[in-house]
Every structure is written in structure tokens, then in C-alpha cells.
Amino acid sequence: MTELSGRERAGQLIAGTDRERAALADPNVRADRFVNRWQELQG
């Protein structure tokens, strides 16, 4: 990512944001992340 610039970098950033938005919309992904964070706190 650091070697990209301009439109290529912006395109990669937008694609990453879109993937994250889709993940946050999926209740299974949200639950998995919650459990992982909870376990890290207990560890």
C-alpha cells in the first residue's frame, strides 16, 4: 500500500473501506470480532 500513490492508492483505500463496511454489516463477523476482543481482555 505504501508504494502506491494517487488514484491507485485511493482505489485501494476505498476498496478496503467497502470491505470493512460489508464486514460490519454481517452479524456473524461482528460477533466473531466481539468474542475475539473479549478473549483478549481476559487474557
N, C-alpha and C. Protein backbone atom coordinates (compact mmCIF):
# COMPACT_ATOMS: atom_id res chain seq x y z
N MET A 1 0.83 -1.19 0.00
CA MET A 1 0.00 0.00 0.00
C MET A 1 0.87 1.25 0.00
N THR A 2 1.97 1.24 0.73
CA THR A 2 2.79 2.45 0.83
C THR A 2 3.47 2.79 -0.49
N GLU A 3 3.63 1.80 -1.38
CA GLU A 3 4.27 2.08 -2.65
C GLU A 3 3.30 2.65 -3.68
N LEU A 4 2.01 2.64 -3.37
CA LEU A 4 1.01 3.18 -4.29
C LEU A 4 0.83 4.68 -4.05
N SER A 5 0.37 5.36 -5.09
CA SER A 5 0.07 6.78 -4.93
C SER A 5 -1.06 7.16 -5.88
N GLY A 6 -1.62 8.31 -5.61
CA GLY A 6 -2.65 8.84 -6.48
C GLY A 6 -3.90 7.99 -6.55
N ARG A 7 -4.38 7.79 -7.76
CA ARG A 7 -5.63 7.05 -7.98
C ARG A 7 -5.54 5.61 -7.49
N GLU A 8 -4.38 4.98 -7.67
CA GLU A 8 -4.22 3.59 -7.23
C GLU A 8 -4.40 3.48 -5.73
N ARG A 9 -3.75 4.36 -5.01
CA ARG A 9 -3.85 4.33 -3.55
C ARG A 9 -5.28 4.63 -3.10
N ALA A 10 -5.88 5.63 -3.70
CA ALA A 10 -7.27 5.97 -3.34
C ALA A 10 -8.19 4.80 -3.63
N GLY A 11 -7.99 4.14 -4.75
CA GLY A 11 -8.81 2.98 -5.09
C GLY A 11 -8.66 1.86 -4.07
N GLN A 12 -7.44 1.60 -3.63
CA GLN A 12 -7.20 0.57 -2.62
C GLN A 12 -7.84 0.95 -1.28
N LEU A 13 -7.73 2.21 -0.91
CA LEU A 13 -8.33 2.66 0.35
C LEU A 13 -9.85 2.55 0.31
N ILE A 14 -10.44 2.92 -0.79
CA ILE A 14 -11.90 2.83 -0.94
C ILE A 14 -12.34 1.36 -0.91
N ALA A 15 -11.59 0.49 -1.58
CA ALA A 15 -11.93 -0.93 -1.58
C ALA A 15 -11.85 -1.50 -0.17
N GLY A 16 -10.83 -1.10 0.58
CA GLY A 16 -10.71 -1.56 1.96
C GLY A 16 -11.85 -1.07 2.83
N THR A 17 -12.25 0.17 2.63
CA THR A 17 -13.37 0.73 3.37
C THR A 17 -14.66 -0.02 3.04
N ASP A 18 -14.84 -0.35 1.77
CA ASP A 18 -16.02 -1.10 1.36
C ASP A 18 -16.04 -2.49 1.98
N ARG A 19 -14.88 -3.16 2.02
CA ARG A 19 -14.81 -4.49 2.65
C ARG A 19 -15.13 -4.40 4.13
N GLU A 20 -14.62 -3.37 4.80
CA GLU A 20 -14.88 -3.21 6.23
C GLU A 20 -16.36 -2.92 6.47
N ARG A 21 -16.97 -2.10 5.65
CA ARG A 21 -18.40 -1.80 5.78
C ARG A 21 -19.24 -3.07 5.61
N ALA A 22 -18.87 -3.90 4.64
CA ALA A 22 -19.59 -5.15 4.42
C ALA A 22 -19.41 -6.08 5.61
N ALA A 23 -18.21 -6.12 6.18
CA ALA A 23 -17.96 -6.97 7.35
C ALA A 23 -18.78 -6.50 8.54
N LEU A 24 -18.86 -5.21 8.74
CA LEU A 24 -19.63 -4.67 9.87
C LEU A 24 -21.13 -4.90 9.70
N ALA A 25 -21.57 -5.06 8.47
CA ALA A 25 -22.99 -5.32 8.22
C ALA A 25 -23.35 -6.78 8.47
N ASP A 26 -22.34 -7.65 8.54
CA ASP A 26 -22.57 -9.09 8.74
C ASP A 26 -22.56 -9.40 10.24
N PRO A 27 -23.69 -9.83 10.79
CA PRO A 27 -23.74 -10.09 12.24
C PRO A 27 -22.78 -11.18 12.69
N ASN A 28 -22.47 -12.14 11.83
CA ASN A 28 -21.53 -13.19 12.21
C ASN A 28 -20.12 -12.65 12.38
N VAL A 29 -19.71 -11.77 11.49
CA VAL A 29 -18.39 -11.15 11.59
C VAL A 29 -18.32 -10.28 12.84
N ARG A 30 -19.37 -9.53 13.08
CA ARG A 30 -19.39 -8.68 14.28
C ARG A 30 -19.29 -9.51 15.54
N ALA A 31 -20.01 -10.62 15.59
CA ALA A 31 -19.97 -11.50 16.76
C ALA A 31 -18.58 -12.09 16.94
N ASP A 32 -17.96 -12.54 15.86
CA ASP A 32 -16.61 -13.10 15.95
C ASP A 32 -15.62 -12.07 16.48
N ARG A 33 -15.71 -10.85 15.98
CA ARG A 33 -14.80 -9.80 16.44
C ARG A 33 -15.03 -9.48 17.91
N PHE A 34 -16.29 -9.45 18.32
CA PHE A 34 -16.61 -9.17 19.72
C PHE A 34 -16.01 -10.24 20.62
N VAL A 35 -16.19 -11.50 20.25
CA VAL A 35 -15.67 -12.61 21.07
C VAL A 35 -14.14 -12.54 21.12
N ASN A 36 -13.51 -12.28 20.00
CA ASN A 36 -12.04 -12.18 19.98
C ASN A 36 -11.55 -11.07 20.88
N ARG A 37 -12.18 -9.92 20.83
CA ARG A 37 -11.77 -8.80 21.68
C ARG A 37 -12.00 -9.12 23.15
N TRP A 38 -13.12 -9.76 23.44
CA TRP A 38 -13.44 -10.12 24.82
C TRP A 38 -12.39 -11.08 25.37
N GLN A 39 -12.00 -12.06 24.56
CA GLN A 39 -10.99 -13.03 24.99
C GLN A 39 -9.63 -12.36 25.18
N GLU A 40 -9.30 -11.37 24.36
CA GLU A 40 -8.05 -10.63 24.54
C GLU A 40 -8.05 -9.88 25.86
N LEU A 41 -9.20 -9.34 26.25
CA LEU A 41 -9.29 -8.62 27.52
C LEU A 41 -9.11 -9.56 28.70
N GLN A 42 -9.60 -10.78 28.57
CA GLN A 42 -9.49 -11.73 29.66
C GLN A 42 -8.10 -12.37 29.73
N GLY A 43 -7.37 -12.34 28.60
CA GLY A 43 -6.06 -13.00 28.52
C GLY A 43 -5.05 -12.25 29.24
